[in-house]
Amino acid sequence: HFERGTKQRYAIGPIDQHRVEEALRDFRTAAATLEAALSERDWLVENSVSYADFRMATFLPFNDVARLPLDDYPAVSRWYRQLE
């Protein structure tokens, strides 16, 4: 989000595509872990929404700018739609 969103909004400089690709690799690693957990349950902690869910999803309302590949993770996408 920093490269595609914050830097552009505040005219800090051009998007560093190398850093975007590096961050997307990190995202895919973390998203795969989250996908595995959420494919077995609706929420992160026990059977209802919790602070953990909202804390983990804080960046998702800005995904129109960040363009993270959420569609590659159906359980994560479902979970986020529940939060919305």
PDB file of N, CA and C in Angstrom:
ATOM      1  N   HIS A   1       0.817  -1.194   0.000  1.00  0.00           N
ATOM      2  CA  HIS A   1       0.000   0.000   0.000  1.00  0.00           C
ATOM      3  C   HIS A   1       0.863   1.262   0.000  1.00  0.00           C
ATOM      4  N   PHE A   2       2.007   1.231   0.652  1.00  0.00           N
ATOM      5  CA  PHE A   2       2.857   2.411   0.702  1.00  0.00           C
ATOM      6  C   PHE A   2       3.267   2.860  -0.700  1.00  0.00           C
ATOM      7  N   GLU A   3       3.742   1.930  -1.498  1.00  0.00           N
ATOM      8  CA  GLU A   3       4.220   2.295  -2.840  1.00  0.00           C
ATOM      9  C   GLU A   3       3.083   2.765  -3.741  1.00  0.00           C
ATOM     10  N   ARG A   4       2.001   2.030  -3.764  1.00  0.00           N
ATOM     11  CA  ARG A   4       0.905   2.343  -4.688  1.00  0.00           C
ATOM     12  C   ARG A   4      -0.057   3.394  -4.150  1.00  0.00           C
ATOM     13  N   GLY A   5      -0.132   3.531  -2.840  1.00  0.00           N
ATOM     14  CA  GLY A   5      -1.090   4.449  -2.242  1.00  0.00           C
ATOM     15  C   GLY A   5      -0.465   5.661  -1.607  1.00  0.00           C
ATOM     16  N   THR A   6       0.218   5.453  -0.490  1.00  0.00           N
ATOM     17  CA  THR A   6       0.746   6.571   0.300  1.00  0.00           C
ATOM     18  C   THR A   6       1.702   7.443  -0.501  1.00  0.00           C
ATOM     19  N   LYS A   7       2.660   6.821  -1.187  1.00  0.00           N
ATOM     20  CA  LYS A   7       3.634   7.605  -1.953  1.00  0.00           C
ATOM     21  C   LYS A   7       2.950   8.444  -3.028  1.00  0.00           C
ATOM     22  N   GLN A   8       1.947   7.874  -3.662  1.00  0.00           N
ATOM     23  CA  GLN A   8       1.269   8.584  -4.739  1.00  0.00           C
ATOM     24  C   GLN A   8       0.375   9.695  -4.187  1.00  0.00           C
ATOM     25  N   ARG A   9      -0.295   9.414  -3.119  1.00  0.00           N
ATOM     26  CA  ARG A   9      -1.200  10.419  -2.524  1.00  0.00           C
ATOM     27  C   ARG A   9      -0.436  11.662  -2.072  1.00  0.00           C
ATOM     28  N   TYR A  10       0.728  11.440  -1.479  1.00  0.00           N
ATOM     29  CA  TYR A  10       1.497  12.551  -0.931  1.00  0.00           C
ATOM     30  C   TYR A  10       2.678  12.974  -1.817  1.00  0.00           C
ATOM     31  N   ALA A  11       2.683  12.495  -3.043  1.00  0.00           N
ATOM     32  CA  ALA A  11       3.723  12.853  -4.020  1.00  0.00           C
ATOM     33  C   ALA A  11       5.128  12.670  -3.452  1.00  0.00           C
ATOM     34  N   ILE A  12       5.347  11.503  -2.846  1.00  0.00           N
ATOM     35  CA  ILE A  12       6.648  11.192  -2.250  1.00  0.00           C
ATOM     36  C   ILE A  12       7.629  10.688  -3.304  1.00  0.00           C
ATOM     37  N   GLY A  13       7.122  10.177  -4.390  1.00  0.00           N
ATOM     38  CA  GLY A  13       7.996   9.676  -5.441  1.00  0.00           C
ATOM     39  C   GLY A  13       7.295   8.620  -6.261  1.00  0.00           C
ATOM     40  N   PRO A  14       7.968   8.130  -7.291  1.00  0.00           N
ATOM     41  CA  PRO A  14       7.366   7.116  -8.157  1.00  0.00           C
ATOM     42  C   PRO A  14       7.272   5.764  -7.445  1.00  0.00           C
ATOM     43  N   ILE A  15       6.415   4.940  -7.964  1.00  0.00           N
ATOM     44  CA  ILE A  15       6.268   3.576  -7.445  1.00  0.00           C
ATOM     45  C   ILE A  15       7.542   2.799  -7.735  1.00  0.00           C
ATOM     46  N   ASP A  16       8.082   2.170  -6.728  1.00  0.00           N
ATOM     47  CA  ASP A  16       9.255   1.311  -6.871  1.00  0.00           C
ATOM     48  C   ASP A  16       8.738  -0.103  -7.116  1.00  0.00           C
ATOM     49  N   GLN A  17       8.708  -0.512  -8.366  1.00  0.00           N
ATOM     50  CA  GLN A  17       8.117  -1.802  -8.732  1.00  0.00           C
ATOM     51  C   GLN A  17       8.835  -2.974  -8.062  1.00  0.00           C
ATOM     52  N   HIS A  18      10.129  -2.856  -7.858  1.00  0.00           N
ATOM     53  CA  HIS A  18      10.875  -3.920  -7.175  1.00  0.00           C
ATOM     54  C   HIS A  18      10.331  -4.119  -5.759  1.00  0.00           C
ATOM     55  N   ARG A  19      10.077  -3.026  -5.057  1.00  0.00           N
ATOM     56  CA  ARG A  19       9.539  -3.120  -3.688  1.00  0.00           C
ATOM     57  C   ARG A  19       8.114  -3.662  -3.700  1.00  0.00           C
ATOM     58  N   VAL A  20       7.340  -3.317  -4.721  1.00  0.00           N
ATOM     59  CA  VAL A  20       5.980  -3.852  -4.846  1.00  0.00           C
ATOM     60  C   VAL A  20       6.040  -5.368  -5.008  1.00  0.00           C
ATOM     61  N   GLU A  21       6.902  -5.843  -5.889  1.00  0.00           N
ATOM     62  CA  GLU A  21       7.028  -7.286  -6.112  1.00  0.00           C
ATOM     63  C   GLU A  21       7.503  -8.012  -4.850  1.00  0.00           C
ATOM     64  N   GLU A  22       8.433  -7.418  -4.151  1.00  0.00           N
ATOM     65  CA  GLU A  22       8.925  -7.991  -2.891  1.00  0.00           C
ATOM     66  C   GLU A  22       7.793  -8.071  -1.868  1.00  0.00           C
ATOM     67  N   ALA A  23       7.026  -7.015  -1.754  1.00  0.00           N
ATOM     68  CA  ALA A  23       5.914  -6.992  -0.804  1.00  0.00           C
ATOM     69  C   ALA A  23       4.825  -7.983  -1.202  1.00  0.00           C
ATOM     70  N   LEU A  24       4.581  -8.143  -2.497  1.00  0.00           N
ATOM     71  CA  LEU A  24       3.584  -9.106  -2.941  1.00  0.00           C
ATOM     72  C   LEU A  24       4.008 -10.535  -2.621  1.00  0.00           C
ATOM     73  N   ARG A  25       5.293 -10.819  -2.700  1.00  0.00           N
ATOM     74  CA  ARG A  25       5.781 -12.150  -2.292  1.00  0.00           C
ATOM     75  C   ARG A  25       5.506 -12.368  -0.814  1.00  0.00           C
ATOM     76  N   ASP A  26       5.791 -11.364   0.009  1.00  0.00           N
ATOM     77  CA  ASP A  26       5.514 -11.467   1.443  1.00  0.00           C
ATOM     78  C   ASP A  26       4.020 -11.622   1.699  1.00  0.00           C
ATOM     79  N   PHE A  27       3.216 -10.857   0.962  1.00  0.00           N
ATOM     80  CA  PHE A  27       1.767 -10.961   1.111  1.00  0.00           C
ATOM     81  C   PHE A  27       1.293 -12.371   0.784  1.00  0.00           C
ATOM     82  N   ARG A  28       1.778 -12.939  -0.306  1.00  0.00           N
ATOM     83  CA  ARG A  28       1.333 -14.283  -0.703  1.00  0.00           C
ATOM     84  C   ARG A  28       1.676 -15.324   0.361  1.00  0.00           C
ATOM     85  N   THR A  29       2.823 -15.184   0.982  1.00  0.00           N
ATOM     86  CA  THR A  29       3.199 -16.107   2.063  1.00  0.00           C
ATOM     87  C   THR A  29       2.228 -15.984   3.236  1.00  0.00           C
ATOM     88  N   ALA A  30       1.978 -14.746   3.663  1.00  0.00           N
ATOM     89  CA  ALA A  30       1.074 -14.520   4.792  1.00  0.00           C
ATOM     90  C   ALA A  30      -0.365 -14.888   4.433  1.00  0.00           C
ATOM     91  N   ALA A  31      -0.786 -14.544   3.219  1.00  0.00           N
ATOM     92  CA  ALA A  31      -2.153 -14.836   2.803  1.00  0.00           C
ATOM     93  C   ALA A  31      -2.405 -16.338   2.723  1.00  0.00           C
ATOM     94  N   ALA A  32      -1.410 -17.101   2.332  1.00  0.00           N
ATOM     95  CA  ALA A  32      -1.572 -18.557   2.280  1.00  0.00           C
ATOM     96  C   ALA A  32      -1.801 -19.122   3.679  1.00  0.00           C
ATOM     97  N   THR A  33      -1.112 -18.590   4.661  1.00  0.00           N
ATOM     98  CA  THR A  33      -1.319 -19.009   6.049  1.00  0.00           C
ATOM     99  C   THR A  33      -2.712 -18.639   6.516  1.00  0.00           C
ATOM    100  N   LEU A  34      -3.124 -17.413   6.233  1.00  0.00           N
ATOM    101  CA  LEU A  34      -4.458 -16.955   6.612  1.00  0.00           C
ATOM    102  C   LEU A  34      -5.529 -17.751   5.885  1.00  0.00           C
ATOM    103  N   GLU A  35      -5.306 -18.039   4.620  1.00  0.00           N
ATOM    104  CA  GLU A  35      -6.249 -18.841   3.832  1.00  0.00           C
ATOM    105  C   GLU A  35      -6.448 -20.222   4.452  1.00  0.00           C
ATOM    106  N   ALA A  36      -5.359 -20.856   4.855  1.00  0.00           N
ATOM    107  CA  ALA A  36      -5.459 -22.183   5.472  1.00  0.00           C
ATOM    108  C   ALA A  36      -6.282 -22.124   6.754  1.00  0.00           C
ATOM    109  N   ALA A  37      -6.036 -21.125   7.574  1.00  0.00           N
ATOM    110  CA  ALA A  37      -6.783 -20.997   8.833  1.00  0.00           C
ATOM    111  C   ALA A  37      -8.255 -20.708   8.580  1.00  0.00           C
ATOM    112  N   LEU A  38      -8.540 -19.809   7.654  1.00  0.00           N
ATOM    113  CA  LEU A  38      -9.929 -19.406   7.418  1.00  0.00           C
ATOM    114  C   LEU A  38     -10.707 -20.393   6.565  1.00  0.00           C
ATOM    115  N   SER A  39     -10.028 -21.324   5.950  1.00  0.00           N
ATOM    116  CA  SER A  39     -10.752 -22.352   5.195  1.00  0.00           C
ATOM    117  C   SER A  39     -11.399 -23.360   6.141  1.00  0.00           C
ATOM    118  N   GLU A  40     -10.986 -23.349   7.396  1.00  0.00           N
ATOM    119  CA  GLU A  40     -11.524 -24.279   8.389  1.00  0.00           C
ATOM    120  C   GLU A  40     -12.476 -23.627   9.377  1.00  0.00           C
ATOM    121  N   ARG A  41     -12.608 -22.307   9.318  1.00  0.00           N
ATOM    122  CA  ARG A  41     -13.490 -21.604  10.258  1.00  0.00           C
ATOM    123  C   ARG A  41     -13.884 -20.246   9.686  1.00  0.00           C
ATOM    124  N   ASP A  42     -14.892 -19.634  10.308  1.00  0.00           N
ATOM    125  CA  ASP A  42     -15.403 -18.356   9.822  1.00  0.00           C
ATOM    126  C   ASP A  42     -14.614 -17.157  10.313  1.00  0.00           C
ATOM    127  N   TRP A  43     -14.055 -17.263  11.504  1.00  0.00           N
ATOM    128  CA  TRP A  43     -13.376 -16.141  12.148  1.00  0.00           C
ATOM    129  C   TRP A  43     -12.016 -16.594  12.668  1.00  0.00           C
ATOM    130  N   LEU A  44     -11.167 -15.666  13.016  1.00  0.00           N
ATOM    131  CA  LEU A  44      -9.822 -16.014  13.468  1.00  0.00           C
ATOM    132  C   LEU A  44      -9.805 -16.647  14.856  1.00  0.00           C
ATOM    133  N   VAL A  45     -10.680 -16.182  15.739  1.00  0.00           N
ATOM    134  CA  VAL A  45     -10.690 -16.671  17.116  1.00  0.00           C
ATOM    135  C   VAL A  45     -12.065 -17.241  17.434  1.00  0.00           C
ATOM    136  N   GLU A  46     -12.099 -18.496  17.731  1.00  0.00           N
ATOM    137  CA  GLU A  46     -13.328 -19.192  18.118  1.00  0.00           C
ATOM    138  C   GLU A  46     -14.422 -19.006  17.076  1.00  0.00           C
ATOM    139  N   ASN A  47     -15.670 -18.805  17.511  1.00  0.00           N
ATOM    140  CA  ASN A  47     -16.804 -18.844  16.584  1.00  0.00           C
ATOM    141  C   ASN A  47     -17.479 -17.503  16.336  1.00  0.00           C
ATOM    142  N   SER A  48     -16.828 -16.429  16.687  1.00  0.00           N
ATOM    143  CA  SER A  48     -17.443 -15.126  16.431  1.00  0.00           C
ATOM    144  C   SER A  48     -16.368 -14.094  16.109  1.00  0.00           C
ATOM    145  N   VAL A  49     -16.819 -13.006  15.544  1.00  0.00           N
ATOM    146  CA  VAL A  49     -15.917 -11.924  15.177  1.00  0.00           C
ATOM    147  C   VAL A  49     -15.241 -11.383  16.440  1.00  0.00           C
ATOM    148  N   SER A  50     -13.998 -10.972  16.282  1.00  0.00           N
ATOM    149  CA  SER A  50     -13.240 -10.463  17.421  1.00  0.00           C
ATOM    150  C   SER A  50     -12.326  -9.319  16.970  1.00  0.00           C
ATOM    151  N   TYR A  51     -11.679  -8.729  17.932  1.00  0.00           N
ATOM    152  CA  TYR A  51     -10.699  -7.683  17.657  1.00  0.00           C
ATOM    153  C   TYR A  51      -9.635  -8.198  16.682  1.00  0.00           C
ATOM    154  N   ALA A  52      -9.257  -9.452  16.815  1.00  0.00           N
ATOM    155  CA  ALA A  52      -8.228 -10.027  15.938  1.00  0.00           C
ATOM    156  C   ALA A  52      -8.633  -9.934  14.469  1.00  0.00           C
ATOM    157  N   ASP A  53      -9.902 -10.185  14.181  1.00  0.00           N
ATOM    158  CA  ASP A  53     -10.366 -10.095  12.794  1.00  0.00           C
ATOM    159  C   ASP A  53     -10.218  -8.677  12.257  1.00  0.00           C
ATOM    160  N   PHE A  54     -10.683  -7.709  13.033  1.00  0.00           N
ATOM    161  CA  PHE A  54     -10.588  -6.325  12.566  1.00  0.00           C
ATOM    162  C   PHE A  54      -9.138  -5.859  12.470  1.00  0.00           C
ATOM    163  N   ARG A  55      -8.324  -6.290  13.406  1.00  0.00           N
ATOM    164  CA  ARG A  55      -6.911  -5.892  13.390  1.00  0.00           C
ATOM    165  C   ARG A  55      -6.194  -6.444  12.160  1.00  0.00           C
ATOM    166  N   MET A  56      -6.480  -7.681  11.830  1.00  0.00           N
ATOM    167  CA  MET A  56      -5.843  -8.307  10.668  1.00  0.00           C
ATOM    168  C   MET A  56      -6.323  -7.699   9.353  1.00  0.00           C
ATOM    169  N   ALA A  57      -7.509  -7.138   9.346  1.00  0.00           N
ATOM    170  CA  ALA A  57      -8.105  -6.635   8.108  1.00  0.00           C
ATOM    171  C   ALA A  57      -7.957  -5.129   7.925  1.00  0.00           C
ATOM    172  N   THR A  58      -7.158  -4.470   8.753  1.00  0.00           N
ATOM    173  CA  THR A  58      -7.104  -3.011   8.705  1.00  0.00           C
ATOM    174  C   THR A  58      -6.674  -2.459   7.348  1.00  0.00           C
ATOM    175  N   PHE A  59      -5.915  -3.200   6.602  1.00  0.00           N
ATOM    176  CA  PHE A  59      -5.427  -2.709   5.309  1.00  0.00           C
ATOM    177  C   PHE A  59      -6.398  -2.977   4.169  1.00  0.00           C
ATOM    178  N   LEU A  60      -7.367  -3.829   4.361  1.00  0.00           N
ATOM    179  CA  LEU A  60      -8.221  -4.254   3.260  1.00  0.00           C
ATOM    180  C   LEU A  60      -9.179  -3.190   2.716  1.00  0.00           C
ATOM    181  N   PRO A  61      -9.666  -2.247   3.513  1.00  0.00           N
ATOM    182  CA  PRO A  61     -10.518  -1.212   2.918  1.00  0.00           C
ATOM    183  C   PRO A  61      -9.788  -0.369   1.862  1.00  0.00           C
ATOM    184  N   PHE A  62      -8.476  -0.440   1.831  1.00  0.00           N
ATOM    185  CA  PHE A  62      -7.688   0.335   0.887  1.00  0.00           C
ATOM    186  C   PHE A  62      -7.151  -0.525  -0.259  1.00  0.00           C
ATOM    187  N   ASN A  63      -7.725  -1.689  -0.426  1.00  0.00           N
ATOM    188  CA  ASN A  63      -7.203  -2.598  -1.440  1.00  0.00           C
ATOM    189  C   ASN A  63      -7.480  -2.121  -2.863  1.00  0.00           C
ATOM    190  N   ASP A  64      -8.405  -1.198  -3.040  1.00  0.00           N
ATOM    191  CA  ASP A  64      -8.611  -0.654  -4.379  1.00  0.00           C
ATOM    192  C   ASP A  64      -7.338   0.032  -4.882  1.00  0.00           C
ATOM    193  N   VAL A  65      -6.545   0.573  -3.957  1.00  0.00           N
ATOM    194  CA  VAL A  65      -5.276   1.214  -4.309  1.00  0.00           C
ATOM    195  C   VAL A  65      -4.134   0.201  -4.257  1.00  0.00           C
ATOM    196  N   ALA A  66      -4.103  -0.614  -3.214  1.00  0.00           N
ATOM    197  CA  ALA A  66      -3.000  -1.563  -3.023  1.00  0.00           C
ATOM    198  C   ALA A  66      -3.017  -2.694  -4.055  1.00  0.00           C
ATOM    199  N   ARG A  67      -4.196  -3.060  -4.505  1.00  0.00           N
ATOM    200  CA  ARG A  67      -4.377  -4.108  -5.520  1.00  0.00           C
ATOM    201  C   ARG A  67      -3.738  -5.445  -5.126  1.00  0.00           C
ATOM    202  N   LEU A  68      -3.978  -5.849  -3.900  1.00  0.00           N
ATOM    203  CA  LEU A  68      -3.520  -7.168  -3.469  1.00  0.00           C
ATOM    204  C   LEU A  68      -4.385  -8.229  -4.135  1.00  0.00           C
ATOM    205  N   PRO A  69      -3.825  -9.380  -4.474  1.00  0.00           N
ATOM    206  CA  PRO A  69      -4.570 -10.414  -5.198  1.00  0.00           C
ATOM    207  C   PRO A  69      -5.487 -11.235  -4.279  1.00  0.00           C
ATOM    208  N   LEU A  70      -6.466 -10.584  -3.693  1.00  0.00           N
ATOM    209  CA  LEU A  70      -7.368 -11.275  -2.759  1.00  0.00           C
ATOM    210  C   LEU A  70      -8.171 -12.381  -3.436  1.00  0.00           C
ATOM    211  N   ASP A  71      -8.484 -12.223  -4.704  1.00  0.00           N
ATOM    212  CA  ASP A  71      -9.272 -13.245  -5.401  1.00  0.00           C
ATOM    213  C   ASP A  71      -8.558 -14.586  -5.452  1.00  0.00           C
ATOM    214  N   ASP A  72      -7.258 -14.587  -5.247  1.00  0.00           N
ATOM    215  CA  ASP A  72      -6.497 -15.846  -5.224  1.00  0.00           C
ATOM    216  C   ASP A  72      -6.708 -16.610  -3.910  1.00  0.00           C
ATOM    217  N   TYR A  73      -7.385 -15.986  -2.954  1.00  0.00           N
ATOM    218  CA  TYR A  73      -7.575 -16.558  -1.617  1.00  0.00           C
ATOM    219  C   TYR A  73      -9.054 -16.491  -1.258  1.00  0.00           C
ATOM    220  N   PRO A  74      -9.850 -17.479  -1.702  1.00  0.00           N
ATOM    221  CA  PRO A  74     -11.302 -17.407  -1.520  1.00  0.00           C
ATOM    222  C   PRO A  74     -11.756 -17.349  -0.061  1.00  0.00           C
ATOM    223  N   ALA A  75     -11.090 -18.039   0.836  1.00  0.00           N
ATOM    224  CA  ALA A  75     -11.499 -17.987   2.250  1.00  0.00           C
ATOM    225  C   ALA A  75     -11.203 -16.617   2.853  1.00  0.00           C
ATOM    226  N   VAL A  76     -10.095 -16.015   2.459  1.00  0.00           N
ATOM    227  CA  VAL A  76      -9.767 -14.667   2.925  1.00  0.00           C
ATOM    228  C   VAL A  76     -10.781 -13.675   2.375  1.00  0.00           C
ATOM    229  N   SER A  77     -11.136 -13.811   1.123  1.00  0.00           N
ATOM    230  CA  SER A  77     -12.129 -12.921   0.514  1.00  0.00           C
ATOM    231  C   SER A  77     -13.482 -13.055   1.208  1.00  0.00           C
ATOM    232  N   ARG A  78     -13.897 -14.278   1.480  1.00  0.00           N
ATOM    233  CA  ARG A  78     -15.162 -14.514   2.181  1.00  0.00           C
ATOM    234  C   ARG A  78     -15.136 -13.873   3.554  1.00  0.00           C
ATOM    235  N   TRP A  79     -14.052 -14.086   4.273  1.00  0.00           N
ATOM    236  CA  TRP A  79     -13.882 -13.520   5.617  1.00  0.00           C
ATOM    237  C   TRP A  79     -13.977 -12.003   5.582  1.00  0.00           C
ATOM    238  N   TYR A  80     -13.330 -11.385   4.605  1.00  0.00           N
ATOM    239  CA  TYR A  80     -13.378  -9.928   4.520  1.00  0.00           C
ATOM    240  C   TYR A  80     -14.788  -9.446   4.191  1.00  0.00           C
ATOM    241  N   ARG A  81     -15.493 -10.130   3.308  1.00  0.00           N
ATOM    242  CA  ARG A  81     -16.881  -9.752   3.010  1.00  0.00           C
ATOM    243  C   ARG A  81     -17.744  -9.822   4.270  1.00  0.00           C
ATOM    244  N   GLN A  82     -17.502 -10.786   5.117  1.00  0.00           N
ATOM    245  CA  GLN A  82     -18.234 -10.874   6.393  1.00  0.00           C
ATOM    246  C   GLN A  82     -17.964  -9.643   7.244  1.00  0.00           C
ATOM    247  N   LEU A  83     -16.728  -9.209   7.286  1.00  0.00           N
ATOM    248  CA  LEU A  83     -16.380  -8.025   8.081  1.00  0.00           C
ATOM    249  C   LEU A  83     -17.004  -6.759   7.520  1.00  0.00           C
ATOM    250  N   GLU A  84     -17.099  -6.687   6.192  1.00  0.00           N
ATOM    251  CA  GLU A  84     -17.685  -5.492   5.592  1.00  0.00           C
ATOM    252  C   GLU A  84     -19.140  -5.370   6.008  1.00  0.00           C
TER     253      GLU A  84
END
